[in-house]
């Protein structure tokens, strides 16, 4: 298994960037602006993502140098950052996250927030398995990864804002309108995630793939969680949202629970992906 520091930093950074990019992207699809609270959340997520990215870079350098993070010094870190793509990735990501904080401070229009958030998120395509790809296949893999990340961020951002709209005391009409508005967009999101996910799994697993490897087992778990998210989304769309619109007793509570479980599946997928990025598709089983 990969180092715990590296996995934790990757997971925290990815979750924060997905949410920070996804919230304004979702509001952009609805042609709505970010409220003051939403802007504050986006800025806070961007700051968390920046701190996690620095932690991730330090953990990556420590792993390359076969030493604990606490033993790192600036000469070693500087040498690795200069000699590998890690330095450029970190610089672009931190710049994009800084712009996201700035945009959140001065404007509620989601277009600029989305641009900065997606740029920060897209730097992940130049790390891990996608970043190691070469030639035309490697380029195609990175393009697919950016699309996959963008679609995932839109889904997670929508879940967060839908949950916020269903908080006690909030008007249920707004939640129902947002849920209905996400129906068509959600279909596109699922299609993009499926197509790019299949392509990326193929591209990564081609050389020396083993069905019993830890990578394969975790990929199967990830697919299972994705299917669970689809089931929750379908139940929300076809059963719970109409119940909310019709004013059925307990509909808001049931919908809030379903959305929370769907969000939990999404967070679990982010953690699994953080581990997958550091595993070899043809490596040893998880128990090995």
C-alpha atoms as a PDB file:
ATOM      1  CA  UNK A   1       0.000   0.000   0.000  1.00  0.00           C
ATOM      2  CA  UNK A   2       1.206   3.566  -0.697  1.00  0.00           C
ATOM      3  CA  UNK A   3       2.287   5.941   2.078  1.00  0.00           C
ATOM      4  CA  UNK A   4      -0.586   7.146   4.260  1.00  0.00           C
ATOM      5  CA  UNK A   5       0.612  10.770   4.067  1.00  0.00           C
ATOM      6  CA  UNK A   6       0.538  10.718   0.282  1.00  0.00           C
ATOM      7  CA  UNK A   7      -2.916   9.131   0.084  1.00  0.00           C
ATOM      8  CA  UNK A   8      -4.401  11.490   2.690  1.00  0.00           C
ATOM      9  CA  UNK A   9      -2.969  14.576   0.973  1.00  0.00           C
ATOM     10  CA  UNK A  10      -4.193  13.430  -2.448  1.00  0.00           C
ATOM     11  CA  UNK A  11      -7.676  12.649  -1.119  1.00  0.00           C
ATOM     12  CA  UNK A  12      -8.076  15.912   0.798  1.00  0.00           C
ATOM     13  CA  UNK A  13      -6.770  18.016  -2.073  1.00  0.00           C
ATOM     14  CA  UNK A  14      -8.930  16.254  -4.659  1.00  0.00           C
ATOM     15  CA  UNK A  15     -12.106  16.488  -2.561  1.00  0.00           C
ATOM     16  CA  UNK A  16     -11.563  20.199  -1.865  1.00  0.00           C
ATOM     17  CA  UNK A  17     -10.797  21.007  -5.518  1.00  0.00           C
ATOM     18  CA  UNK A  18     -13.742  18.977  -6.817  1.00  0.00           C
ATOM     19  CA  UNK A  19     -16.132  20.808  -4.504  1.00  0.00           C
ATOM     20  CA  UNK A  20     -14.578  24.246  -5.076  1.00  0.00           C
ATOM     21  CA  UNK A  21     -14.807  23.838  -8.854  1.00  0.00           C
ATOM     22  CA  UNK A  22     -18.136  22.021  -8.826  1.00  0.00           C
ATOM     23  CA  UNK A  23     -20.222  24.497  -6.849  1.00  0.00           C
ATOM     24  CA  UNK A  24     -19.768  27.429  -9.269  1.00  0.00           C
ATOM     25  CA  UNK A  25     -19.911  25.078 -12.269  1.00  0.00           C
ATOM     26  CA  UNK A  26     -23.297  23.776 -11.110  1.00  0.00           C
ATOM     27  CA  UNK A  27     -24.628  27.309 -10.551  1.00  0.00           C
ATOM     28  CA  UNK A  28     -23.302  28.265 -13.988  1.00  0.00           C
ATOM     29  CA  UNK A  29     -25.470  25.546 -15.550  1.00  0.00           C
ATOM     30  CA  UNK A  30     -28.469  27.016 -13.697  1.00  0.00           C
ATOM     31  CA  UNK A  31     -27.491  30.585 -14.641  1.00  0.00           C
ATOM     32  CA  UNK A  32     -27.438  31.562 -10.977  1.00  0.00           C
ATOM     33  CA  UNK A  33     -24.910  33.582  -8.998  1.00  0.00           C
ATOM     34  CA  UNK A  34     -23.040  32.508  -5.872  1.00  0.00           C
ATOM     35  CA  UNK A  35     -24.493  33.793  -2.619  1.00  0.00           C
ATOM     36  CA  UNK A  36     -22.239  35.305   0.020  1.00  0.00           C
ATOM     37  CA  UNK A  37     -22.191  32.015   1.946  1.00  0.00           C
ATOM     38  CA  UNK A  38     -21.401  30.010  -1.183  1.00  0.00           C
ATOM     39  CA  UNK A  39     -18.524  32.332  -2.032  1.00  0.00           C
ATOM     40  CA  UNK A  40     -17.124  31.936   1.469  1.00  0.00           C
ATOM     41  CA  UNK A  41     -17.356  28.148   1.196  1.00  0.00           C
ATOM     42  CA  UNK A  42     -15.639  28.164  -2.210  1.00  0.00           C
ATOM     43  CA  UNK A  43     -12.827  30.369  -0.868  1.00  0.00           C
ATOM     44  CA  UNK A  44     -12.388  28.130   2.195  1.00  0.00           C
ATOM     45  CA  UNK A  45     -12.290  25.011  -0.001  1.00  0.00           C
ATOM     46  CA  UNK A  46      -9.680  26.637  -2.237  1.00  0.00           C
ATOM     47  CA  UNK A  47      -7.483  27.408   0.781  1.00  0.00           C
ATOM     48  CA  UNK A  48      -7.852  23.823   2.030  1.00  0.00           C
ATOM     49  CA  UNK A  49      -6.952  22.558  -1.447  1.00  0.00           C
ATOM     50  CA  UNK A  50      -3.859  24.785  -1.523  1.00  0.00           C
ATOM     51  CA  UNK A  51      -2.653  23.536   1.870  1.00  0.00           C
ATOM     52  CA  UNK A  52      -3.355  19.926   0.873  1.00  0.00           C
ATOM     53  CA  UNK A  53      -1.479  20.422  -2.398  1.00  0.00           C
ATOM     54  CA  UNK A  54       1.636  21.624  -0.578  1.00  0.00           C
ATOM     55  CA  UNK A  55       1.309  18.614   1.735  1.00  0.00           C
ATOM     56  CA  UNK A  56       0.883  16.336  -1.304  1.00  0.00           C
ATOM     57  CA  UNK A  57       3.990  17.780  -2.950  1.00  0.00           C
ATOM     58  CA  UNK A  58       6.028  17.296   0.221  1.00  0.00           C
ATOM     59  CA  UNK A  59       4.754  13.718   0.622  1.00  0.00           C
ATOM     60  CA  UNK A  60       5.533  12.969  -3.033  1.00  0.00           C
ATOM     61  CA  UNK A  61       9.071  14.297  -2.709  1.00  0.00           C
ATOM     62  CA  UNK A  62       9.592  12.336   0.504  1.00  0.00           C
ATOM     63  CA  UNK A  63       8.390   9.157  -1.221  1.00  0.00           C
ATOM     64  CA  UNK A  64      10.791   9.741  -4.137  1.00  0.00           C
ATOM     65  CA  UNK A  65      13.665  10.343  -1.721  1.00  0.00           C
ATOM     66  CA  UNK A  66      12.676   7.376   0.475  1.00  0.00           C
ATOM     67  CA  UNK A  67      12.563   9.506   3.625  1.00  0.00           C
ATOM     68  CA  UNK A  68       9.874  10.739   6.033  1.00  0.00           C
ATOM     69  CA  UNK A  69       8.254  14.085   5.308  1.00  0.00           C
ATOM     70  CA  UNK A  70       9.690  15.465   8.549  1.00  0.00           C
ATOM     71  CA  UNK A  71      13.226  14.879   7.250  1.00  0.00           C
ATOM     72  CA  UNK A  72      12.780  16.941   4.086  1.00  0.00           C
ATOM     73  CA  UNK A  73      14.784  20.128   3.660  1.00  0.00           C
ATOM     74  CA  UNK A  74      14.526  22.895   1.065  1.00  0.00           C
ATOM     75  CA  UNK A  75      17.567  21.866  -1.063  1.00  0.00           C
ATOM     76  CA  UNK A  76      16.082  18.388  -1.613  1.00  0.00           C
ATOM     77  CA  UNK A  77      12.577  19.725  -2.230  1.00  0.00           C
ATOM     78  CA  UNK A  78      13.835  22.418  -4.609  1.00  0.00           C
ATOM     79  CA  UNK A  79      15.902  19.926  -6.589  1.00  0.00           C
ATOM     80  CA  UNK A  80      12.956  17.543  -7.060  1.00  0.00           C
ATOM     81  CA  UNK A  81      10.509  20.337  -7.908  1.00  0.00           C
ATOM     82  CA  UNK A  82      12.917  21.664 -10.552  1.00  0.00           C
ATOM     83  CA  UNK A  83      13.745  18.286 -12.072  1.00  0.00           C
ATOM     84  CA  UNK A  84      10.223  16.836 -12.290  1.00  0.00           C
ATOM     85  CA  UNK A  85       6.797  18.016 -13.531  1.00  0.00           C
ATOM     86  CA  UNK A  86       5.735  18.259  -9.881  1.00  0.00           C
ATOM     87  CA  UNK A  87       7.033  21.814  -9.565  1.00  0.00           C
ATOM     88  CA  UNK A  88       5.076  23.114 -12.570  1.00  0.00           C
ATOM     89  CA  UNK A  89       1.920  21.276 -11.546  1.00  0.00           C
ATOM     90  CA  UNK A  90       2.110  22.719  -8.032  1.00  0.00           C
ATOM     91  CA  UNK A  91       2.802  26.256  -9.303  1.00  0.00           C
ATOM     92  CA  UNK A  92      -0.127  26.254 -11.743  1.00  0.00           C
ATOM     93  CA  UNK A  93      -2.458  24.726  -9.163  1.00  0.00           C
ATOM     94  CA  UNK A  94      -1.571  27.226  -6.432  1.00  0.00           C
ATOM     95  CA  UNK A  95      -1.951  30.138  -8.860  1.00  0.00           C
ATOM     96  CA  UNK A  96      -5.373  28.900  -9.974  1.00  0.00           C
ATOM     97  CA  UNK A  97      -6.493  28.408  -6.372  1.00  0.00           C
ATOM     98  CA  UNK A  98      -5.268  31.902  -5.445  1.00  0.00           C
ATOM     99  CA  UNK A  99      -7.323  33.316  -8.329  1.00  0.00           C
ATOM    100  CA  UNK A 100     -10.330  31.350  -7.123  1.00  0.00           C
ATOM    101  CA  UNK A 101     -10.028  32.909  -3.658  1.00  0.00           C
ATOM    102  CA  UNK A 102      -9.721  36.349  -5.271  1.00  0.00           C
ATOM    103  CA  UNK A 103     -12.761  35.844  -7.495  1.00  0.00           C
ATOM    104  CA  UNK A 104     -14.782  34.573  -4.533  1.00  0.00           C
ATOM    105  CA  UNK A 105     -13.898  37.735  -2.633  1.00  0.00           C
ATOM    106  CA  UNK A 106     -14.961  40.206  -5.325  1.00  0.00           C
ATOM    107  CA  UNK A 107     -17.745  38.629  -7.386  1.00  0.00           C
ATOM    108  CA  UNK A 108     -20.679  36.239  -7.248  1.00  0.00           C
ATOM    109  CA  UNK A 109     -20.671  35.476 -10.969  1.00  0.00           C
ATOM    110  CA  UNK A 110     -19.752  31.810 -11.393  1.00  0.00           C
ATOM    111  CA  UNK A 111     -17.938  31.931 -14.752  1.00  0.00           C
ATOM    112  CA  UNK A 112     -14.571  33.120 -13.422  1.00  0.00           C
ATOM    113  CA  UNK A 113     -14.850  30.883 -10.360  1.00  0.00           C
ATOM    114  CA  UNK A 114     -15.486  27.914 -12.641  1.00  0.00           C
ATOM    115  CA  UNK A 115     -12.523  28.753 -14.880  1.00  0.00           C
ATOM    116  CA  UNK A 116     -10.094  29.011 -11.960  1.00  0.00           C
ATOM    117  CA  UNK A 117     -11.514  25.965 -10.174  1.00  0.00           C
ATOM    118  CA  UNK A 118     -11.443  23.721 -13.238  1.00  0.00           C
ATOM    119  CA  UNK A 119      -7.905  24.885 -14.069  1.00  0.00           C
ATOM    120  CA  UNK A 120      -6.720  23.917 -10.587  1.00  0.00           C
ATOM    121  CA  UNK A 121      -8.545  20.590 -10.796  1.00  0.00           C
ATOM    122  CA  UNK A 122      -7.170  19.847 -14.281  1.00  0.00           C
ATOM    123  CA  UNK A 123      -3.597  19.855 -13.016  1.00  0.00           C
ATOM    124  CA  UNK A 124      -4.370  16.435 -11.511  1.00  0.00           C
ATOM    125  CA  UNK A 125      -4.336  15.028 -15.052  1.00  0.00           C
ATOM    126  CA  UNK A 126      -0.585  15.636 -15.168  1.00  0.00           C
ATOM    127  CA  UNK A 127       0.054  13.488 -12.102  1.00  0.00           C
ATOM    128  CA  UNK A 128      -0.350   9.786 -11.311  1.00  0.00           C
ATOM    129  CA  UNK A 129      -1.081   7.304 -14.090  1.00  0.00           C
ATOM    130  CA  UNK A 130      -2.401   9.917 -16.532  1.00  0.00           C
ATOM    131  CA  UNK A 131       0.680  12.073 -16.077  1.00  0.00           C
ATOM    132  CA  UNK A 132       2.922   9.107 -16.832  1.00  0.00           C
ATOM    133  CA  UNK A 133       1.221   8.375 -20.168  1.00  0.00           C
ATOM    134  CA  UNK A 134       3.292   8.968 -23.290  1.00  0.00           C
ATOM    135  CA  UNK A 135       2.544   9.757 -26.922  1.00  0.00           C
ATOM    136  CA  UNK A 136      -0.929  10.084 -28.414  1.00  0.00           C
ATOM    137  CA  UNK A 137      -2.451   7.683 -25.896  1.00  0.00           C
ATOM    138  CA  UNK A 138      -1.026   9.682 -23.002  1.00  0.00           C
ATOM    139  CA  UNK A 139      -2.444  12.905 -24.442  1.00  0.00           C
ATOM    140  CA  UNK A 140      -5.844  11.297 -24.968  1.00  0.00           C
ATOM    141  CA  UNK A 141      -5.721   9.956 -21.421  1.00  0.00           C
ATOM    142  CA  UNK A 142      -5.053  13.404 -19.962  1.00  0.00           C
ATOM    143  CA  UNK A 143      -7.874  14.951 -22.020  1.00  0.00           C
ATOM    144  CA  UNK A 144     -10.235  12.209 -20.825  1.00  0.00           C
ATOM    145  CA  UNK A 145      -9.033  12.763 -17.257  1.00  0.00           C
ATOM    146  CA  UNK A 146      -9.834  16.493 -17.424  1.00  0.00           C
ATOM    147  CA  UNK A 147     -13.333  15.743 -18.734  1.00  0.00           C
ATOM    148  CA  UNK A 148     -13.801  13.067 -16.059  1.00  0.00           C
ATOM    149  CA  UNK A 149     -12.713  15.433 -13.299  1.00  0.00           C
ATOM    150  CA  UNK A 150     -14.945  18.229 -14.589  1.00  0.00           C
ATOM    151  CA  UNK A 151     -17.990  15.960 -14.693  1.00  0.00           C
ATOM    152  CA  UNK A 152     -17.227  14.592 -11.215  1.00  0.00           C
ATOM    153  CA  UNK A 153     -16.855  18.107  -9.827  1.00  0.00           C
ATOM    154  CA  UNK A 154     -20.215  19.129 -11.259  1.00  0.00           C
ATOM    155  CA  UNK A 155     -21.930  16.162  -9.602  1.00  0.00           C
ATOM    156  CA  UNK A 156     -20.282  16.775  -6.215  1.00  0.00           C
ATOM    157  CA  UNK A 157     -20.940  20.526  -6.371  1.00  0.00           C
ATOM    158  CA  UNK A 158     -24.586  19.873  -7.187  1.00  0.00           C
ATOM    159  CA  UNK A 159     -24.929  17.455  -4.261  1.00  0.00           C
ATOM    160  CA  UNK A 160     -23.481  20.005  -1.844  1.00  0.00           C
ATOM    161  CA  UNK A 161     -25.785  22.799  -2.970  1.00  0.00           C
ATOM    162  CA  UNK A 162     -28.821  20.519  -3.107  1.00  0.00           C
ATOM    163  CA  UNK A 163     -28.149  19.444   0.479  1.00  0.00           C
ATOM    164  CA  UNK A 164     -27.812  23.094   1.489  1.00  0.00           C
ATOM    165  CA  UNK A 165     -31.145  23.894  -0.184  1.00  0.00           C
ATOM    166  CA  UNK A 166     -32.806  21.135   1.862  1.00  0.00           C
ATOM    167  CA  UNK A 167     -31.652  22.373   5.259  1.00  0.00           C
ATOM    168  CA  UNK A 168     -34.479  22.839   7.781  1.00  0.00           C
ATOM    169  CA  UNK A 169     -36.132  26.212   7.354  1.00  0.00           C
ATOM    170  CA  UNK A 170     -35.221  26.570   3.675  1.00  0.00           C
ATOM    171  CA  UNK A 171     -38.077  26.954   1.143  1.00  0.00           C
ATOM    172  CA  UNK A 172     -38.671  23.562  -0.477  1.00  0.00           C
ATOM    173  CA  UNK A 173     -39.589  25.186  -3.816  1.00  0.00           C
ATOM    174  CA  UNK A 174     -35.948  26.179  -4.408  1.00  0.00           C
ATOM    175  CA  UNK A 175     -34.723  22.650  -3.694  1.00  0.00           C
ATOM    176  CA  UNK A 176     -37.342  21.158  -6.031  1.00  0.00           C
ATOM    177  CA  UNK A 177     -36.395  23.601  -8.782  1.00  0.00           C
ATOM    178  CA  UNK A 178     -32.703  22.802  -8.460  1.00  0.00           C
ATOM    179  CA  UNK A 179     -33.343  19.063  -8.440  1.00  0.00           C
ATOM    180  CA  UNK A 180     -35.470  19.321 -11.571  1.00  0.00           C
ATOM    181  CA  UNK A 181     -32.874  21.536 -13.236  1.00  0.00           C
ATOM    182  CA  UNK A 182     -30.117  19.007 -12.595  1.00  0.00           C
ATOM    183  CA  UNK A 183     -32.011  16.119 -14.237  1.00  0.00           C
ATOM    184  CA  UNK A 184     -30.820  16.703 -17.817  1.00  0.00           C
ATOM    185  CA  UNK A 185     -27.363  17.836 -16.710  1.00  0.00           C
ATOM    186  CA  UNK A 186     -27.046  14.758 -14.518  1.00  0.00           C
ATOM    187  CA  UNK A 187     -27.635  12.478 -17.506  1.00  0.00           C
ATOM    188  CA  UNK A 188     -24.781  14.166 -19.379  1.00  0.00           C
ATOM    189  CA  UNK A 189     -22.544  13.933 -16.302  1.00  0.00           C
ATOM    190  CA  UNK A 190     -23.147  10.190 -15.931  1.00  0.00           C
ATOM    191  CA  UNK A 191     -22.486   9.619 -19.642  1.00  0.00           C
ATOM    192  CA  UNK A 192     -19.195  11.528 -19.548  1.00  0.00           C
ATOM    193  CA  UNK A 193     -18.060   9.809 -16.356  1.00  0.00           C
ATOM    194  CA  UNK A 194     -18.828   6.383 -17.775  1.00  0.00           C
ATOM    195  CA  UNK A 195     -17.126   6.913 -21.150  1.00  0.00           C
ATOM    196  CA  UNK A 196     -14.006   8.587 -19.781  1.00  0.00           C
ATOM    197  CA  UNK A 197     -13.818   6.159 -16.850  1.00  0.00           C
ATOM    198  CA  UNK A 198     -13.862   3.134 -19.165  1.00  0.00           C
ATOM    199  CA  UNK A 199     -11.230   4.687 -21.431  1.00  0.00           C
ATOM    200  CA  UNK A 200      -8.929   5.634 -18.549  1.00  0.00           C
ATOM    201  CA  UNK A 201      -9.231   2.190 -16.954  1.00  0.00           C
ATOM    202  CA  UNK A 202      -8.305   0.617 -20.293  1.00  0.00           C
ATOM    203  CA  UNK A 203      -5.356   2.965 -20.848  1.00  0.00           C
ATOM    204  CA  UNK A 204      -3.977   2.425 -17.346  1.00  0.00           C
ATOM    205  CA  UNK A 205      -4.477  -1.340 -17.198  1.00  0.00           C
ATOM    206  CA  UNK A 206      -3.163  -2.281 -20.653  1.00  0.00           C
ATOM    207  CA  UNK A 207       0.411  -3.268 -19.716  1.00  0.00           C
ATOM    208  CA  UNK A 208       0.622  -6.180 -17.287  1.00  0.00           C
ATOM    209  CA  UNK A 209      -2.837  -5.873 -15.759  1.00  0.00           C
ATOM    210  CA  UNK A 210      -3.739  -8.458 -13.117  1.00  0.00           C
ATOM    211  CA  UNK A 211      -7.346  -9.107 -12.125  1.00  0.00           C
ATOM    212  CA  UNK A 212      -6.225 -10.042  -8.596  1.00  0.00           C
ATOM    213  CA  UNK A 213      -4.105  -6.952  -7.973  1.00  0.00           C
ATOM    214  CA  UNK A 214      -5.006  -4.434  -5.282  1.00  0.00           C
ATOM    215  CA  UNK A 215      -5.606  -1.888  -8.050  1.00  0.00           C
ATOM    216  CA  UNK A 216      -8.212  -4.149  -9.678  1.00  0.00           C
ATOM    217  CA  UNK A 217      -9.987  -4.844  -6.389  1.00  0.00           C
ATOM    218  CA  UNK A 218     -10.226  -1.148  -5.520  1.00  0.00           C
ATOM    219  CA  UNK A 219     -11.373  -0.328  -9.054  1.00  0.00           C
ATOM    220  CA  UNK A 220     -14.209  -2.838  -8.612  1.00  0.00           C
ATOM    221  CA  UNK A 221     -15.165  -1.164  -5.312  1.00  0.00           C
ATOM    222  CA  UNK A 222     -15.109   2.236  -7.014  1.00  0.00           C
ATOM    223  CA  UNK A 223     -17.424   0.966  -9.760  1.00  0.00           C
ATOM    224  CA  UNK A 224     -19.757  -0.460  -7.117  1.00  0.00           C
ATOM    225  CA  UNK A 225     -19.928   2.907  -5.353  1.00  0.00           C
ATOM    226  CA  UNK A 226     -20.581   4.641  -8.678  1.00  0.00           C
ATOM    227  CA  UNK A 227     -23.491   2.269  -9.325  1.00  0.00           C
ATOM    228  CA  UNK A 228     -24.797   3.037  -5.827  1.00  0.00           C
ATOM    229  CA  UNK A 229     -24.661   6.753  -6.625  1.00  0.00           C
ATOM    230  CA  UNK A 230     -26.661   6.120  -9.789  1.00  0.00           C
ATOM    231  CA  UNK A 231     -29.256   4.223  -7.767  1.00  0.00           C
ATOM    232  CA  UNK A 232     -29.572   7.061  -5.242  1.00  0.00           C
ATOM    233  CA  UNK A 233     -29.776   9.634  -8.043  1.00  0.00           C
ATOM    234  CA  UNK A 234     -32.499   7.679  -9.817  1.00  0.00           C
ATOM    235  CA  UNK A 235     -34.484   7.236  -6.607  1.00  0.00           C
ATOM    236  CA  UNK A 236     -34.141  10.949  -5.877  1.00  0.00           C
ATOM    237  CA  UNK A 237     -35.267  11.942  -9.352  1.00  0.00           C
ATOM    238  CA  UNK A 238     -38.167   9.553  -9.871  1.00  0.00           C
ATOM    239  CA  UNK A 239     -39.505   9.062  -6.338  1.00  0.00           C
ATOM    240  CA  UNK A 240     -38.316  11.581  -3.744  1.00  0.00           C
ATOM    241  CA  UNK A 241     -38.349  14.776  -5.825  1.00  0.00           C
ATOM    242  CA  UNK A 242     -41.983  14.267  -6.931  1.00  0.00           C
ATOM    243  CA  UNK A 243     -42.824  13.508  -3.299  1.00  0.00           C
ATOM    244  CA  UNK A 244     -41.234  16.811  -2.267  1.00  0.00           C
ATOM    245  CA  UNK A 245     -43.137  18.719  -4.961  1.00  0.00           C
ATOM    246  CA  UNK A 246     -46.392  17.080  -3.906  1.00  0.00           C
ATOM    247  CA  UNK A 247     -45.784  17.997  -0.271  1.00  0.00           C
ATOM    248  CA  UNK A 248     -45.710  14.431   1.051  1.00  0.00           C
ATOM    249  CA  UNK A 249     -44.877  14.237   4.800  1.00  0.00           C
ATOM    250  CA  UNK A 250     -41.215  13.452   5.449  1.00  0.00           C
ATOM    251  CA  UNK A 251     -40.208  13.899   1.793  1.00  0.00           C
ATOM    252  CA  UNK A 252     -37.576  16.538   2.586  1.00  0.00           C
ATOM    253  CA  UNK A 253     -36.038  14.395   5.340  1.00  0.00           C
ATOM    254  CA  UNK A 254     -35.890  11.308   3.123  1.00  0.00           C
ATOM    255  CA  UNK A 255     -34.417  13.310   0.244  1.00  0.00           C
ATOM    256  CA  UNK A 256     -31.826  14.881   2.534  1.00  0.00           C
ATOM    257  CA  UNK A 257     -30.774  11.433   3.779  1.00  0.00           C
ATOM    258  CA  UNK A 258     -30.576  10.026   0.256  1.00  0.00           C
ATOM    259  CA  UNK A 259     -28.458  12.960  -0.932  1.00  0.00           C
ATOM    260  CA  UNK A 260     -26.183  12.597   2.112  1.00  0.00           C
ATOM    261  CA  UNK A 261     -25.641   8.900   1.334  1.00  0.00           C
ATOM    262  CA  UNK A 262     -24.966   9.743  -2.311  1.00  0.00           C
ATOM    263  CA  UNK A 263     -22.422  12.349  -1.203  1.00  0.00           C
ATOM    264  CA  UNK A 264     -20.839   9.795   1.128  1.00  0.00           C
ATOM    265  CA  UNK A 265     -20.359   7.444  -1.834  1.00  0.00           C
ATOM    266  CA  UNK A 266     -18.714  10.288  -3.769  1.00  0.00           C
ATOM    267  CA  UNK A 267     -16.280  11.015  -0.930  1.00  0.00           C
ATOM    268  CA  UNK A 268     -15.435   7.301  -0.650  1.00  0.00           C
ATOM    269  CA  UNK A 269     -14.693   7.240  -4.386  1.00  0.00           C
ATOM    270  CA  UNK A 270     -12.303  10.193  -3.988  1.00  0.00           C
ATOM    271  CA  UNK A 271     -10.401   8.311  -1.267  1.00  0.00           C
ATOM    272  CA  UNK A 272     -10.233   5.164  -3.399  1.00  0.00           C
ATOM    273  CA  UNK A 273      -8.964   7.149  -6.388  1.00  0.00           C
ATOM    274  CA  UNK A 274      -6.252   8.642  -4.166  1.00  0.00           C
ATOM    275  CA  UNK A 275      -5.054   5.109  -3.441  1.00  0.00           C
ATOM    276  CA  UNK A 276      -5.479   3.882  -7.028  1.00  0.00           C
ATOM    277  CA  UNK A 277      -3.218   6.641  -8.327  1.00  0.00           C
ATOM    278  CA  UNK A 278      -0.303   5.185  -6.368  1.00  0.00           C
ATOM    279  CA  UNK A 279      -0.912   1.495  -7.173  1.00  0.00           C
ATOM    280  CA  UNK A 280       0.333  -0.652 -10.047  1.00  0.00           C
ATOM    281  CA  UNK A 281      -2.500  -2.369 -12.027  1.00  0.00           C
ATOM    282  CA  UNK A 282      -0.317  -5.471 -12.237  1.00  0.00           C
ATOM    283  CA  UNK A 283       0.904  -5.319  -8.655  1.00  0.00           C
ATOM    284  CA  UNK A 284       0.300  -7.537  -5.658  1.00  0.00           C
ATOM    285  CA  UNK A 285      -3.117  -8.164  -4.081  1.00  0.00           C
ATOM    286  CA  UNK A 286      -4.169  -5.864  -1.226  1.00  0.00           C
ATOM    287  CA  UNK A 287      -3.328  -8.586   1.244  1.00  0.00           C
ATOM    288  CA  UNK A 288       0.163  -8.982  -0.222  1.00  0.00           C
END
